[in-house]
Amino acid sequence: MSTSTDYKAELLEHLLAIDDAQSLDAALDSLLTPAEYIEISKRLQIFKMLRAGVPQRKIAETLGVGIATVSRGARALNDDTH
């Protein structure tokens, strides 16, 4: 029986085998709904803006996300740096 860890490893292996941006975009388009793709993109922007020192409320306003989403991103970013 496969586990979620197995599925994650398989996903990472699949994505890492893609060697150009256009093919990666096509793969992500086939794997994700348009809303999921946008959400992932926004989460990356949250990390980028947090690293740049943008206040959390400004990030939420700029990206049109909830403050809880930004706070979750800040916690994840903080966990990655420790």
Protein backbone atom coordinates (compact mmCIF):
# COMPACT_ATOMS: atom_id res chain seq x y z
CA MET A 1 0.00 0.00 0.00
CA SER A 2 1.36 3.42 -0.96
CA THR A 3 1.64 6.18 1.59
CA SER A 4 1.36 9.93 1.20
CA THR A 5 5.15 10.02 1.54
CA ASP A 6 5.42 7.70 -1.47
CA TYR A 7 3.07 9.91 -3.46
CA LYS A 8 5.03 13.02 -2.53
CA ALA A 9 8.32 11.39 -3.54
CA GLU A 10 6.80 10.32 -6.86
CA LEU A 11 5.53 13.86 -7.50
CA LEU A 12 8.93 15.36 -6.73
CA GLU A 13 10.64 12.82 -8.98
CA HIS A 14 8.21 13.60 -11.79
CA LEU A 15 8.71 17.38 -11.49
CA LEU A 16 12.49 17.15 -11.15
CA ALA A 17 12.67 15.16 -14.40
CA ILE A 18 11.26 18.15 -16.30
CA ASP A 19 14.07 20.18 -17.82
CA ASP A 20 12.50 23.42 -19.07
CA ALA A 21 10.03 26.04 -17.90
CA GLN A 22 7.50 25.49 -20.69
CA SER A 23 7.29 21.75 -19.97
CA LEU A 24 7.05 22.40 -16.24
CA ASP A 25 4.22 24.87 -16.82
CA ALA A 26 2.39 22.28 -18.95
CA ALA A 27 2.91 19.60 -16.28
CA LEU A 28 1.60 21.86 -13.52
CA ASP A 29 -1.36 22.84 -15.71
CA SER A 30 -2.23 19.17 -16.08
CA LEU A 31 -1.79 18.40 -12.37
CA LEU A 32 -3.47 21.43 -10.80
CA THR A 33 -6.71 23.27 -11.26
CA PRO A 34 -6.29 26.91 -12.30
CA ALA A 35 -7.24 27.98 -8.75
CA GLU A 36 -4.64 25.65 -7.19
CA TYR A 37 -1.95 26.94 -9.54
CA ILE A 38 -2.79 30.56 -8.59
CA GLU A 39 -2.82 29.71 -4.86
CA ILE A 40 0.62 28.09 -5.04
CA SER A 41 1.92 31.09 -6.96
CA LYS A 42 0.50 33.45 -4.34
CA ARG A 43 2.10 31.46 -1.52
CA LEU A 44 5.48 31.83 -3.20
CA GLN A 45 4.84 35.58 -3.44
CA ILE A 46 3.99 35.62 0.27
CA PHE A 47 7.40 34.09 1.05
CA LYS A 48 9.13 36.56 -1.26
CA MET A 49 7.36 39.57 0.27
CA LEU A 50 7.95 38.38 3.85
CA ARG A 51 11.67 37.99 3.11
CA ALA A 52 11.64 41.54 1.71
CA GLY A 53 10.17 42.83 4.97
CA VAL A 54 6.73 43.75 3.67
CA PRO A 55 4.21 43.94 6.56
CA GLN A 56 1.80 41.01 6.73
CA ARG A 57 -1.32 43.17 6.37
CA LYS A 58 0.12 44.82 3.25
CA ILE A 59 0.88 41.38 1.77
CA ALA A 60 -2.68 40.21 2.44
CA GLU A 61 -4.08 43.36 0.83
CA THR A 62 -1.75 43.25 -2.18
CA LEU A 63 -2.33 39.57 -2.95
CA GLY A 64 -6.00 39.46 -2.01
CA VAL A 65 -5.50 36.73 0.59
CA GLY A 66 -6.50 36.49 4.21
CA ILE A 67 -4.19 37.56 6.98
CA ALA A 68 -4.33 33.96 8.28
CA THR A 69 -2.81 32.76 4.99
CA VAL A 70 0.02 35.26 5.33
CA SER A 71 0.55 34.33 8.99
CA ARG A 72 0.71 30.65 8.03
CA GLY A 73 3.32 31.53 5.41
CA ALA A 74 5.32 33.47 8.01
CA ARG A 75 5.26 30.48 10.37
CA ALA A 76 6.35 28.13 7.57
CA LEU A 77 9.13 30.49 6.59
CA ASN A 78 10.23 30.80 10.21
CA ASP A 79 10.20 27.01 10.62
CA ASP A 80 12.41 26.64 7.52
CA THR A 81 15.02 29.02 8.92
CA HIS A 82 15.43 27.09 12.20
